[in-house]
Protein backbone atom coordinates (compact mmCIF):
# COMPACT_ATOMS: atom_id res chain seq x y z
CA MET A 1 -0.15 -0.20 -0.08
CA GLU A 2 1.50 3.01 -0.91
CA ASN A 3 2.09 6.03 1.36
CA VAL A 4 -0.76 8.76 2.16
CA GLY A 5 2.13 11.78 1.34
CA SER A 6 2.44 9.87 -2.04
CA LEU A 7 -0.81 9.78 -2.67
CA LEU A 8 -1.23 13.24 -1.72
CA VAL A 9 0.99 14.58 -4.21
CA ASP A 10 -0.18 12.42 -6.85
CA ALA A 11 -3.48 14.00 -6.66
CA ALA A 12 -2.04 17.59 -6.00
CA THR A 13 -0.26 17.26 -9.05
CA LEU A 14 -3.27 15.55 -10.84
CA MET A 15 -4.79 19.11 -9.87
CA LEU A 16 -2.65 21.72 -10.41
CA THR A 17 -2.25 19.83 -14.77
CA GLY A 18 -5.88 20.14 -14.67
CA MET A 19 -6.16 23.81 -13.47
CA ALA A 20 -2.91 24.50 -16.44
CA VAL A 21 -5.07 23.00 -19.12
CA VAL A 22 -8.68 24.62 -18.24
CA PHE A 23 -6.43 28.14 -17.95
CA THR A 24 -4.94 27.82 -21.38
CA PHE A 25 -8.33 26.56 -23.15
CA LEU A 26 -9.95 29.25 -21.83
CA THR A 27 -7.12 31.79 -22.74
CA ILE A 28 -7.06 30.34 -26.48
CA LEU A 29 -10.95 30.98 -26.52
CA VAL A 30 -10.81 34.79 -25.33
CA TYR A 31 -8.10 35.43 -28.05
CA LEU A 32 -9.79 33.33 -30.63
CA ILE A 33 -13.21 35.34 -29.72
CA ARG A 34 -11.64 38.39 -29.93
CA LEU A 35 -9.97 37.68 -33.22
CA MET A 36 -13.16 36.68 -34.90
CA SER A 37 -14.79 39.60 -33.34
CA LYS A 38 -12.56 41.83 -35.42
CA LEU A 39 -12.73 39.67 -38.52
CA VAL A 40 -16.45 39.27 -38.84
CA PRO A 41 -18.20 42.28 -39.64
CA GLU A 42 -21.12 43.63 -37.17
CA GLU A 43 -24.26 42.91 -38.52
CA VAL A 44 -26.06 45.79 -38.86
CA PRO A 45 -30.31 45.69 -38.93
CA GLU A 46 -32.06 46.70 -41.40
CA PRO A 47 -33.64 49.94 -41.27
CA ILE A 48 -37.44 49.82 -40.00
CA VAL A 49 -39.83 51.32 -42.68
CA PRO A 50 -43.10 53.03 -40.91
CA PRO A 51 -45.90 51.14 -42.97
CA LYS A 52 -47.89 53.36 -45.12
CA GLN A 53 -50.45 54.71 -43.33
CA ASN A 54 -53.99 54.89 -45.27
CA ASN A 55 -55.49 58.81 -45.12
CA LYS A 56 -58.88 57.54 -46.10
CA VAL A 57 -61.15 57.41 -43.01
CA GLN A 58 -63.91 55.19 -43.90
CA PRO A 59 -66.92 56.52 -42.53
CA ASN A 60 -68.58 55.49 -39.22
CA SER A 61 -65.56 53.01 -39.06
CA SER A 62 -65.84 54.24 -34.97
CA VAL A 63 -69.15 54.80 -34.52
CA VAL A 64 -71.20 51.84 -32.98
CA SER A 65 -74.72 51.14 -34.07
CA PRO A 66 -77.47 52.30 -31.88
CA LYS A 67 -79.52 48.98 -32.39
CA VAL A 68 -76.29 47.44 -31.25
CA VAL A 69 -75.85 49.65 -28.12
CA ALA A 70 -79.57 49.23 -27.38
CA ALA A 71 -78.53 45.24 -27.59
CA ILE A 72 -76.01 45.25 -24.96
CA SER A 73 -77.79 47.34 -22.70
CA ALA A 74 -80.50 45.07 -22.97
CA ALA A 75 -78.45 41.51 -22.41
CA VAL A 76 -76.53 43.56 -19.49
CA HIS A 77 -79.66 44.09 -17.89
CA GLN A 78 -81.13 41.13 -17.79
CA TYR A 79 -78.10 39.46 -16.79
CA ARG A 80 -77.63 41.65 -13.39
CA THR A 81 -82.01 41.14 -13.07
CA SER A 82 -81.15 36.98 -13.43
CA THR A 83 -77.88 37.03 -11.16
CA ALA A 84 -79.10 39.21 -8.13
CA LYS A 85 -82.19 36.54 -7.28
């Protein structure tokens, strides 16, 4: 059976090797991303063109028919009286 001290040295060596590999990989990744950001042109969004507004106003487009108002009023009144019981 091996000595506990040599196991700890092996573990520390493995840990430091792993940390060095990860640090090296991340450093290379950062520099590659910086290089790509300089080489690849930035996307410029297309200008938003506002839709053409129709200047023609349709007659009675916002006016509610009196018959519709009367029907809605009657329905609301009937609902209120039926639920009040």
